[in-house]
Amino acid sequence: MSEGQLVQRRKKTEEPVAEKPEEASGDSAHSSDQEDNDKGTRLTLMEQILLLGLKDREGYTSFWNDCISSGLRGCVLVELVLRGRIQLEGGGMRRKNLLNRKVTVKSSEPTGDVILDEALRHMKETNPPETVTSWIEYLSGETWNPLKLRYQLRNVRERLAKNLVEKGVLTTDKQNFLLFEITTHPLSDGNQKTKLIKEVQESVLGKWTNDVHRMDKKMLSLIVLAHASDVLENAFAPLSDQDYEVAMKRLSANKSLSHNACTCNL
């Protein structure tokens, strides 16, 4: 899916069983995430995107989603920015395209997250610095340069799913597909996903602002990354047709959302 392209609403043949939504608390979606007393339930951007993409009962992402892999690598970059570990070079007088700007390391101090620290080590060891696009390709393993394949982050979805299992959000199961048995991670704590979906919906409905600079950085990043990962539709699916239309019109009207969001963060 290209940036800025919004899809029409997809009608689902069956509705997933959802837990009763929790009451929203705090002044913003970000504060409810950051000020949660139970630190074990705080989710990274990577975990939030995976959770939005997972089928609740089946415990795996759609086979037809070919965007979530690169989307999760984009989450890695944004998460490192939000934690003050990396930054982008200046745009200069020519206002160089965001994706063509190079990533530089601000701090090599470990974050405590295995996936983030692995990516950070790769970036620290790379000289000269590489661009945003290049790093997404390298971390995804989608590069034609055999010398860059060592930068690939392997089994990211499985590692993130295990993190969510440890946090009590998912569980582990086995399913047979023809001759193969695969590990799946069905939803265990429906409240966590319901809360996440409610926060995303509120950010484009009740708490919407046309000025992206006034939006919470993490929530803004989540919306952009969910769109890039082709899972934003999953968050909007429970909306009424009227609210869905409002949400999509607001995102469509702000076609510079992705660029402005990344500019704010990076």
C-alpha atoms as a PDB file:
ATOM      1  CA  MET A   1       0.000   0.000   0.000  1.00  0.00           C
ATOM      2  CA  SER A   2       1.372   3.379  -0.976  1.00  0.00           C
ATOM      3  CA  GLU A   3       1.552   6.334   1.426  1.00  0.00           C
ATOM      4  CA  GLY A   4      -1.556   8.472   1.589  1.00  0.00           C
ATOM      5  CA  GLN A   5      -3.689   5.835  -0.148  1.00  0.00           C
ATOM      6  CA  LEU A   6      -6.810   5.023   1.846  1.00  0.00           C
ATOM      7  CA  VAL A   7      -8.883   1.971   1.121  1.00  0.00           C
ATOM      8  CA  GLN A   8     -12.629   1.549   1.022  1.00  0.00           C
ATOM      9  CA  ARG A   9     -14.322  -0.177   3.924  1.00  0.00           C
ATOM     10  CA  ARG A  10     -14.123  -3.941   3.693  1.00  0.00           C
ATOM     11  CA  LYS A  11     -17.207  -5.844   4.808  1.00  0.00           C
ATOM     12  CA  LYS A  12     -16.358  -8.777   7.050  1.00  0.00           C
ATOM     13  CA  THR A  13     -18.315 -12.003   6.666  1.00  0.00           C
ATOM     14  CA  GLU A  14     -18.172 -12.707  10.385  1.00  0.00           C
ATOM     15  CA  GLU A  15     -17.640 -10.425  13.320  1.00  0.00           C
ATOM     16  CA  PRO A  16     -15.033 -11.390  15.933  1.00  0.00           C
ATOM     17  CA  VAL A  17     -16.205 -11.840  19.490  1.00  0.00           C
ATOM     18  CA  ALA A  18     -15.044  -8.746  21.348  1.00  0.00           C
ATOM     19  CA  GLU A  19     -14.756  -8.189  25.056  1.00  0.00           C
ATOM     20  CA  LYS A  20     -16.736  -5.333  26.610  1.00  0.00           C
ATOM     21  CA  PRO A  21     -14.694  -2.128  26.131  1.00  0.00           C
ATOM     22  CA  GLU A  22     -13.160  -0.563  29.207  1.00  0.00           C
ATOM     23  CA  GLU A  23     -13.949   3.001  30.190  1.00  0.00           C
ATOM     24  CA  ALA A  24     -11.406   5.426  28.711  1.00  0.00           C
ATOM     25  CA  SER A  25      -9.258   7.107  31.361  1.00  0.00           C
ATOM     26  CA  GLY A  26      -6.847  10.030  31.376  1.00  0.00           C
ATOM     27  CA  ASP A  27      -6.642  13.100  29.191  1.00  0.00           C
ATOM     28  CA  SER A  28      -5.064  11.347  26.231  1.00  0.00           C
ATOM     29  CA  ALA A  29      -4.543   7.924  24.727  1.00  0.00           C
ATOM     30  CA  HIS A  30      -0.828   8.263  25.321  1.00  0.00           C
ATOM     31  CA  SER A  31      -1.214   9.042  29.023  1.00  0.00           C
ATOM     32  CA  SER A  32      -3.396   5.977  29.542  1.00  0.00           C
ATOM     33  CA  ASP A  33      -0.586   3.914  28.041  1.00  0.00           C
ATOM     34  CA  GLN A  34       2.316   5.580  29.797  1.00  0.00           C
ATOM     35  CA  GLU A  35       0.709   5.949  33.222  1.00  0.00           C
ATOM     36  CA  ASP A  36      -0.625   2.415  33.474  1.00  0.00           C
ATOM     37  CA  ASN A  37       0.364   1.092  36.890  1.00  0.00           C
ATOM     38  CA  ASP A  38       0.914  -2.374  35.493  1.00  0.00           C
ATOM     39  CA  LYS A  39       4.137  -1.991  33.544  1.00  0.00           C
ATOM     40  CA  GLY A  40       3.770  -5.481  32.111  1.00  0.00           C
ATOM     41  CA  THR A  41       0.841  -4.355  29.950  1.00  0.00           C
ATOM     42  CA  ARG A  42       2.615  -1.423  28.316  1.00  0.00           C
ATOM     43  CA  LEU A  43       2.923  -2.202  24.636  1.00  0.00           C
ATOM     44  CA  THR A  44       5.528  -1.003  22.171  1.00  0.00           C
ATOM     45  CA  LEU A  45       4.509   0.288  18.750  1.00  0.00           C
ATOM     46  CA  MET A  46       5.632  -3.033  17.276  1.00  0.00           C
ATOM     47  CA  GLU A  47       3.413  -4.991  19.655  1.00  0.00           C
ATOM     48  CA  GLN A  48       0.453  -2.682  19.036  1.00  0.00           C
ATOM     49  CA  ILE A  49       0.711  -3.082  15.261  1.00  0.00           C
ATOM     50  CA  LEU A  50       0.968  -6.860  15.552  1.00  0.00           C
ATOM     51  CA  LEU A  51      -1.999  -6.941  17.931  1.00  0.00           C
ATOM     52  CA  LEU A  52      -4.114  -4.927  15.490  1.00  0.00           C
ATOM     53  CA  GLY A  53      -3.140  -7.295  12.679  1.00  0.00           C
ATOM     54  CA  LEU A  54      -3.721 -10.582  14.503  1.00  0.00           C
ATOM     55  CA  LYS A  55      -6.940 -12.522  14.036  1.00  0.00           C
ATOM     56  CA  ASP A  56      -8.420 -12.869  17.527  1.00  0.00           C
ATOM     57  CA  ARG A  57      -9.362 -16.551  17.419  1.00  0.00           C
ATOM     58  CA  GLU A  58      -6.928 -17.889  14.839  1.00  0.00           C
ATOM     59  CA  GLY A  59      -3.889 -16.168  16.343  1.00  0.00           C
ATOM     60  CA  TYR A  60      -2.058 -15.197  13.155  1.00  0.00           C
ATOM     61  CA  THR A  61      -1.977 -12.296  10.709  1.00  0.00           C
ATOM     62  CA  SER A  62      -3.709 -12.369   7.346  1.00  0.00           C
ATOM     63  CA  PHE A  63      -1.845 -14.309   4.680  1.00  0.00           C
ATOM     64  CA  TRP A  64      -2.806 -11.558   2.220  1.00  0.00           C
ATOM     65  CA  ASN A  65      -1.145  -8.784   4.188  1.00  0.00           C
ATOM     66  CA  ASP A  66       2.205  -8.158   2.515  1.00  0.00           C
ATOM     67  CA  CYS A  67       2.706  -4.784   4.223  1.00  0.00           C
ATOM     68  CA  ILE A  68       3.018  -5.724   7.881  1.00  0.00           C
ATOM     69  CA  SER A  69       6.591  -6.997   7.619  1.00  0.00           C
ATOM     70  CA  SER A  70       8.011  -3.681   6.412  1.00  0.00           C
ATOM     71  CA  GLY A  71       5.542  -1.864   8.673  1.00  0.00           C
ATOM     72  CA  LEU A  72       6.986  -3.552  11.748  1.00  0.00           C
ATOM     73  CA  ARG A  73      10.488  -2.499  10.672  1.00  0.00           C
ATOM     74  CA  GLY A  74       9.191   1.037  10.378  1.00  0.00           C
ATOM     75  CA  CYS A  75       7.964   0.650  13.958  1.00  0.00           C
ATOM     76  CA  VAL A  76      11.518  -0.215  15.001  1.00  0.00           C
ATOM     77  CA  LEU A  77      12.852   3.031  13.532  1.00  0.00           C
ATOM     78  CA  VAL A  78      10.122   5.208  15.041  1.00  0.00           C
ATOM     79  CA  GLU A  79      10.410   3.516  18.430  1.00  0.00           C
ATOM     80  CA  LEU A  80      14.162   4.180  18.466  1.00  0.00           C
ATOM     81  CA  VAL A  81      13.472   7.830  17.640  1.00  0.00           C
ATOM     82  CA  LEU A  82      10.908   8.161  20.425  1.00  0.00           C
ATOM     83  CA  ARG A  83      13.440   6.686  22.841  1.00  0.00           C
ATOM     84  CA  GLY A  84      16.120   9.146  21.760  1.00  0.00           C
ATOM     85  CA  ARG A  85      18.471   6.595  20.201  1.00  0.00           C
ATOM     86  CA  ILE A  86      18.466   7.683  16.540  1.00  0.00           C
ATOM     87  CA  GLN A  87      17.630  10.745  14.441  1.00  0.00           C
ATOM     88  CA  LEU A  88      17.502  11.795  10.796  1.00  0.00           C
ATOM     89  CA  GLU A  89      19.919  14.097   9.072  1.00  0.00           C
ATOM     90  CA  GLY A  90      18.582  17.580   8.333  1.00  0.00           C
ATOM     91  CA  GLY A  91      16.422  18.053   5.269  1.00  0.00           C
ATOM     92  CA  GLY A  92      18.569  20.917   3.986  1.00  0.00           C
ATOM     93  CA  MET A  93      17.546  23.677   1.614  1.00  0.00           C
ATOM     94  CA  ARG A  94      16.300  21.157  -0.944  1.00  0.00           C
ATOM     95  CA  ARG A  95      13.897  19.594   1.585  1.00  0.00           C
ATOM     96  CA  LYS A  96      15.132  16.102   0.830  1.00  0.00           C
ATOM     97  CA  ASN A  97      12.431  13.438   0.878  1.00  0.00           C
ATOM     98  CA  LEU A  98      12.024  11.934   4.333  1.00  0.00           C
ATOM     99  CA  LEU A  99      12.670   8.378   3.182  1.00  0.00           C
ATOM    100  CA  ASN A 100      15.891   9.447   1.474  1.00  0.00           C
ATOM    101  CA  ARG A 101      17.356  11.066   4.566  1.00  0.00           C
ATOM    102  CA  LYS A 102      20.045   9.175   6.456  1.00  0.00           C
ATOM    103  CA  VAL A 103      19.666   7.703   9.920  1.00  0.00           C
ATOM    104  CA  THR A 104      22.286   8.628  12.517  1.00  0.00           C
ATOM    105  CA  VAL A 105      22.752   7.225  16.013  1.00  0.00           C
ATOM    106  CA  LYS A 106      22.306   9.708  18.884  1.00  0.00           C
ATOM    107  CA  SER A 107      22.859   7.239  21.710  1.00  0.00           C
ATOM    108  CA  SER A 108      23.904   3.591  21.684  1.00  0.00           C
ATOM    109  CA  GLU A 109      22.643   2.975  25.216  1.00  0.00           C
ATOM    110  CA  PRO A 110      20.552  -0.237  25.232  1.00  0.00           C
ATOM    111  CA  THR A 111      16.786   0.203  25.395  1.00  0.00           C
ATOM    112  CA  GLY A 112      16.130  -3.072  27.167  1.00  0.00           C
ATOM    113  CA  ASP A 113      14.116  -4.353  24.199  1.00  0.00           C
ATOM    114  CA  VAL A 114      15.918  -7.163  22.363  1.00  0.00           C
ATOM    115  CA  ILE A 115      14.616  -6.293  18.890  1.00  0.00           C
ATOM    116  CA  LEU A 116      15.284  -2.569  19.241  1.00  0.00           C
ATOM    117  CA  ASP A 117      18.774  -3.150  20.618  1.00  0.00           C
ATOM    118  CA  GLU A 118      19.614  -5.543  17.781  1.00  0.00           C
ATOM    119  CA  ALA A 119      18.622  -2.925  15.200  1.00  0.00           C
ATOM    120  CA  LEU A 120      20.473  -0.208  17.108  1.00  0.00           C
ATOM    121  CA  ARG A 121      23.695  -2.246  17.059  1.00  0.00           C
ATOM    122  CA  HIS A 122      23.425  -2.647  13.290  1.00  0.00           C
ATOM    123  CA  MET A 123      22.973   1.092  12.812  1.00  0.00           C
ATOM    124  CA  LYS A 124      25.866   1.921  15.096  1.00  0.00           C
ATOM    125  CA  GLU A 125      28.201  -0.389  13.158  1.00  0.00           C
ATOM    126  CA  THR A 126      27.202   0.996   9.753  1.00  0.00           C
ATOM    127  CA  ASN A 127      29.374   3.693   8.214  1.00  0.00           C
ATOM    128  CA  PRO A 128      28.505   5.735   6.243  1.00  0.00           C
ATOM    129  CA  PRO A 129      24.908   6.027   7.538  1.00  0.00           C
ATOM    130  CA  GLU A 130      22.082   4.546   5.475  1.00  0.00           C
ATOM    131  CA  THR A 131      18.712   6.035   4.528  1.00  0.00           C
ATOM    132  CA  VAL A 132      15.330   5.255   6.081  1.00  0.00           C
ATOM    133  CA  THR A 133      14.295   3.255   3.020  1.00  0.00           C
ATOM    134  CA  SER A 134      17.518   1.262   3.063  1.00  0.00           C
ATOM    135  CA  TRP A 135      17.144   0.366   6.723  1.00  0.00           C
ATOM    136  CA  ILE A 136      13.581  -0.851   6.260  1.00  0.00           C
ATOM    137  CA  GLU A 137      14.823  -3.052   3.412  1.00  0.00           C
ATOM    138  CA  TYR A 138      17.816  -4.321   5.377  1.00  0.00           C
ATOM    139  CA  LEU A 139      15.861  -5.063   8.550  1.00  0.00           C
ATOM    140  CA  SER A 140      13.202  -6.850   6.469  1.00  0.00           C
ATOM    141  CA  GLY A 141      15.797  -8.875   4.555  1.00  0.00           C
ATOM    142  CA  GLU A 142      14.400  -7.486   1.297  1.00  0.00           C
ATOM    143  CA  THR A 143      17.662  -6.358  -0.229  1.00  0.00           C
ATOM    144  CA  TRP A 144      19.585  -7.554  -3.250  1.00  0.00           C
ATOM    145  CA  ASN A 145      22.886  -6.788  -1.552  1.00  0.00           C
ATOM    146  CA  PRO A 146      24.127 -10.054   0.023  1.00  0.00           C
ATOM    147  CA  LEU A 147      26.464  -8.091   2.307  1.00  0.00           C
ATOM    148  CA  LYS A 148      23.453  -6.436   3.954  1.00  0.00           C
ATOM    149  CA  LEU A 149      21.505  -9.617   4.694  1.00  0.00           C
ATOM    150  CA  ARG A 150      23.198  -9.862   8.080  1.00  0.00           C
ATOM    151  CA  TYR A 151      21.111  -6.867   9.169  1.00  0.00           C
ATOM    152  CA  GLN A 152      17.851  -8.763   8.808  1.00  0.00           C
ATOM    153  CA  LEU A 153      15.731  -8.975  11.959  1.00  0.00           C
ATOM    154  CA  ARG A 154      14.496 -12.560  11.935  1.00  0.00           C
ATOM    155  CA  ASN A 155      11.269 -14.013  13.329  1.00  0.00           C
ATOM    156  CA  VAL A 156      10.034 -10.585  14.398  1.00  0.00           C
ATOM    157  CA  ARG A 157       6.352 -11.514  14.507  1.00  0.00           C
ATOM    158  CA  GLU A 158       7.001 -14.641  16.549  1.00  0.00           C
ATOM    159  CA  ARG A 159       9.242 -12.760  18.976  1.00  0.00           C
ATOM    160  CA  LEU A 160       6.666 -10.007  19.405  1.00  0.00           C
ATOM    161  CA  ALA A 161       3.914 -12.574  19.904  1.00  0.00           C
ATOM    162  CA  LYS A 162       5.949 -14.222  22.666  1.00  0.00           C
ATOM    163  CA  ASN A 163       6.330 -10.820  24.325  1.00  0.00           C
ATOM    164  CA  LEU A 164       2.555 -10.432  24.242  1.00  0.00           C
ATOM    165  CA  VAL A 165       2.147 -13.930  25.690  1.00  0.00           C
ATOM    166  CA  GLU A 166       4.425 -12.954  28.584  1.00  0.00           C
ATOM    167  CA  LYS A 167       2.308  -9.835  29.126  1.00  0.00           C
ATOM    168  CA  GLY A 168      -0.857 -11.930  29.252  1.00  0.00           C
ATOM    169  CA  VAL A 169      -2.348 -10.462  26.084  1.00  0.00           C
ATOM    170  CA  LEU A 170      -1.989 -13.567  23.893  1.00  0.00           C
ATOM    171  CA  THR A 171      -1.763 -17.299  24.488  1.00  0.00           C
ATOM    172  CA  THR A 172       0.036 -20.062  22.555  1.00  0.00           C
ATOM    173  CA  ASP A 173      -1.675 -22.778  20.531  1.00  0.00           C
ATOM    174  CA  LYS A 174      -1.018 -25.178  17.657  1.00  0.00           C
ATOM    175  CA  GLN A 175      -2.964 -25.474  14.409  1.00  0.00           C
ATOM    176  CA  ASN A 176      -2.669 -27.930  11.550  1.00  0.00           C
ATOM    177  CA  PHE A 177      -2.495 -26.590   7.994  1.00  0.00           C
ATOM    178  CA  LEU A 178      -2.601 -29.520   5.595  1.00  0.00           C
ATOM    179  CA  LEU A 179       0.613 -31.409   6.429  1.00  0.00           C
ATOM    180  CA  PHE A 180       2.110 -28.709   8.614  1.00  0.00           C
ATOM    181  CA  GLU A 181       1.616 -27.767  12.243  1.00  0.00           C
ATOM    182  CA  ILE A 182       2.204 -24.129  13.091  1.00  0.00           C
ATOM    183  CA  THR A 183       2.344 -22.193  16.339  1.00  0.00           C
ATOM    184  CA  THR A 184      -0.409 -19.621  16.717  1.00  0.00           C
ATOM    185  CA  HIS A 185      -1.124 -16.975  19.334  1.00  0.00           C
ATOM    186  CA  PRO A 186      -4.867 -16.415  19.864  1.00  0.00           C
ATOM    187  CA  LEU A 187      -6.113 -13.473  21.886  1.00  0.00           C
ATOM    188  CA  SER A 188      -6.128 -14.094  25.631  1.00  0.00           C
ATOM    189  CA  ASP A 189      -6.896 -10.675  27.143  1.00  0.00           C
ATOM    190  CA  GLY A 190      -9.592  -9.075  25.006  1.00  0.00           C
ATOM    191  CA  ASN A 191      -9.581  -5.926  27.121  1.00  0.00           C
ATOM    192  CA  GLN A 192      -6.106  -4.943  25.943  1.00  0.00           C
ATOM    193  CA  LYS A 193      -7.012  -5.077  22.256  1.00  0.00           C
ATOM    194  CA  THR A 194     -10.379  -3.427  22.853  1.00  0.00           C
ATOM    195  CA  LYS A 195      -8.650  -0.614  24.725  1.00  0.00           C
ATOM    196  CA  LEU A 196      -6.113  -0.158  21.927  1.00  0.00           C
ATOM    197  CA  ILE A 197      -8.807  -0.049  19.246  1.00  0.00           C
ATOM    198  CA  LYS A 198     -10.848   2.432  21.286  1.00  0.00           C
ATOM    199  CA  GLU A 199      -7.817   4.729  21.628  1.00  0.00           C
ATOM    200  CA  VAL A 200      -7.168   4.652  17.876  1.00  0.00           C
ATOM    201  CA  GLN A 201     -10.817   5.377  17.125  1.00  0.00           C
ATOM    202  CA  GLU A 202     -10.959   8.255  19.612  1.00  0.00           C
ATOM    203  CA  SER A 203      -7.816   9.807  18.150  1.00  0.00           C
ATOM    204  CA  VAL A 204      -9.572  10.327  14.805  1.00  0.00           C
ATOM    205  CA  LEU A 205     -13.024  11.073  16.216  1.00  0.00           C
ATOM    206  CA  GLY A 206     -13.497  12.739  19.606  1.00  0.00           C
ATOM    207  CA  LYS A 207      -9.866  13.800  20.045  1.00  0.00           C
ATOM    208  CA  TRP A 208      -9.086  14.642  16.427  1.00  0.00           C
ATOM    209  CA  THR A 209      -7.135  17.778  15.537  1.00  0.00           C
ATOM    210  CA  ASN A 210      -6.099  18.902  12.056  1.00  0.00           C
ATOM    211  CA  ASP A 211      -2.768  20.106  13.433  1.00  0.00           C
ATOM    212  CA  VAL A 212      -0.562  17.014  13.673  1.00  0.00           C
ATOM    213  CA  HIS A 213       1.911  18.943  15.816  1.00  0.00           C
ATOM    214  CA  ARG A 214      -0.714  19.014  18.574  1.00  0.00           C
ATOM    215  CA  MET A 215      -1.355  15.282  18.462  1.00  0.00           C
ATOM    216  CA  ASP A 216       0.319  12.849  20.814  1.00  0.00           C
ATOM    217  CA  LYS A 217       3.471  11.636  19.066  1.00  0.00           C
ATOM    218  CA  LYS A 218       3.083   7.974  19.866  1.00  0.00           C
ATOM    219  CA  MET A 219      -0.582   7.850  18.854  1.00  0.00           C
ATOM    220  CA  LEU A 220       0.152   9.770  15.666  1.00  0.00           C
ATOM    221  CA  SER A 221       2.947   7.318  14.901  1.00  0.00           C
ATOM    222  CA  LEU A 222       0.618   4.402  15.602  1.00  0.00           C
ATOM    223  CA  ILE A 223      -1.990   5.684  13.133  1.00  0.00           C
ATOM    224  CA  VAL A 224       0.576   6.233  10.378  1.00  0.00           C
ATOM    225  CA  LEU A 225       2.282   2.882  10.976  1.00  0.00           C
ATOM    226  CA  ALA A 226      -1.046   1.042  11.184  1.00  0.00           C
ATOM    227  CA  HIS A 227      -1.982   2.528   7.813  1.00  0.00           C
ATOM    228  CA  ALA A 228       1.398   1.576   6.323  1.00  0.00           C
ATOM    229  CA  SER A 229       1.036  -1.955   7.751  1.00  0.00           C
ATOM    230  CA  ASP A 230      -2.500  -2.314   6.336  1.00  0.00           C
ATOM    231  CA  VAL A 231      -4.052  -2.941   9.767  1.00  0.00           C
ATOM    232  CA  LEU A 232      -5.739   0.422  10.367  1.00  0.00           C
ATOM    233  CA  GLU A 233      -8.917  -0.928   8.813  1.00  0.00           C
ATOM    234  CA  ASN A 234      -9.086  -3.515  11.615  1.00  0.00           C
ATOM    235  CA  ALA A 235      -9.302  -0.731  14.190  1.00  0.00           C
ATOM    236  CA  PHE A 236     -12.062   1.037  12.257  1.00  0.00           C
ATOM    237  CA  ALA A 237     -14.124  -2.086  11.488  1.00  0.00           C
ATOM    238  CA  PRO A 238     -16.281  -1.896  14.669  1.00  0.00           C
ATOM    239  CA  LEU A 239     -17.321   1.714  13.930  1.00  0.00           C
ATOM    240  CA  SER A 240     -20.772   2.613  12.717  1.00  0.00           C
ATOM    241  CA  ASP A 241     -20.952   3.589   9.053  1.00  0.00           C
ATOM    242  CA  GLN A 242     -21.338   7.238  10.019  1.00  0.00           C
ATOM    243  CA  ASP A 243     -18.288   7.294  12.318  1.00  0.00           C
ATOM    244  CA  TYR A 244     -16.295   5.267   9.808  1.00  0.00           C
ATOM    245  CA  GLU A 245     -17.034   7.818   7.095  1.00  0.00           C
ATOM    246  CA  VAL A 246     -15.999  10.692   9.374  1.00  0.00           C
ATOM    247  CA  ALA A 247     -12.742   8.964  10.325  1.00  0.00           C
ATOM    248  CA  MET A 248     -11.785   8.167   6.743  1.00  0.00           C
ATOM    249  CA  LYS A 249     -12.667  11.656   5.510  1.00  0.00           C
ATOM    250  CA  ARG A 250     -10.463  13.216   8.172  1.00  0.00           C
ATOM    251  CA  LEU A 251      -7.514  11.045   7.255  1.00  0.00           C
ATOM    252  CA  SER A 252      -8.106  11.527   3.525  1.00  0.00           C
ATOM    253  CA  ALA A 253      -8.343  15.300   3.919  1.00  0.00           C
ATOM    254  CA  ASN A 254      -4.965  15.387   5.622  1.00  0.00           C
ATOM    255  CA  LYS A 255      -2.931  13.774   2.863  1.00  0.00           C
ATOM    256  CA  SER A 256       0.292  15.046   4.387  1.00  0.00           C
ATOM    257  CA  LEU A 257      -0.393  13.147   7.620  1.00  0.00           C
ATOM    258  CA  SER A 258       2.300  10.525   7.076  1.00  0.00           C
ATOM    259  CA  HIS A 259       4.982  13.046   6.152  1.00  0.00           C
ATOM    260  CA  ASN A 260       4.098  15.475   8.923  1.00  0.00           C
ATOM    261  CA  ALA A 261       3.907  12.700  11.491  1.00  0.00           C
ATOM    262  CA  CYS A 262       7.335  11.416  10.633  1.00  0.00           C
ATOM    263  CA  THR A 263       8.731  14.939  10.516  1.00  0.00           C
ATOM    264  CA  CYS A 264       7.424  15.551  14.037  1.00  0.00           C
ATOM    265  CA  ASN A 265       8.976  12.352  15.311  1.00  0.00           C
ATOM    266  CA  LEU A 266      12.144  12.030  13.305  1.00  0.00           C
END
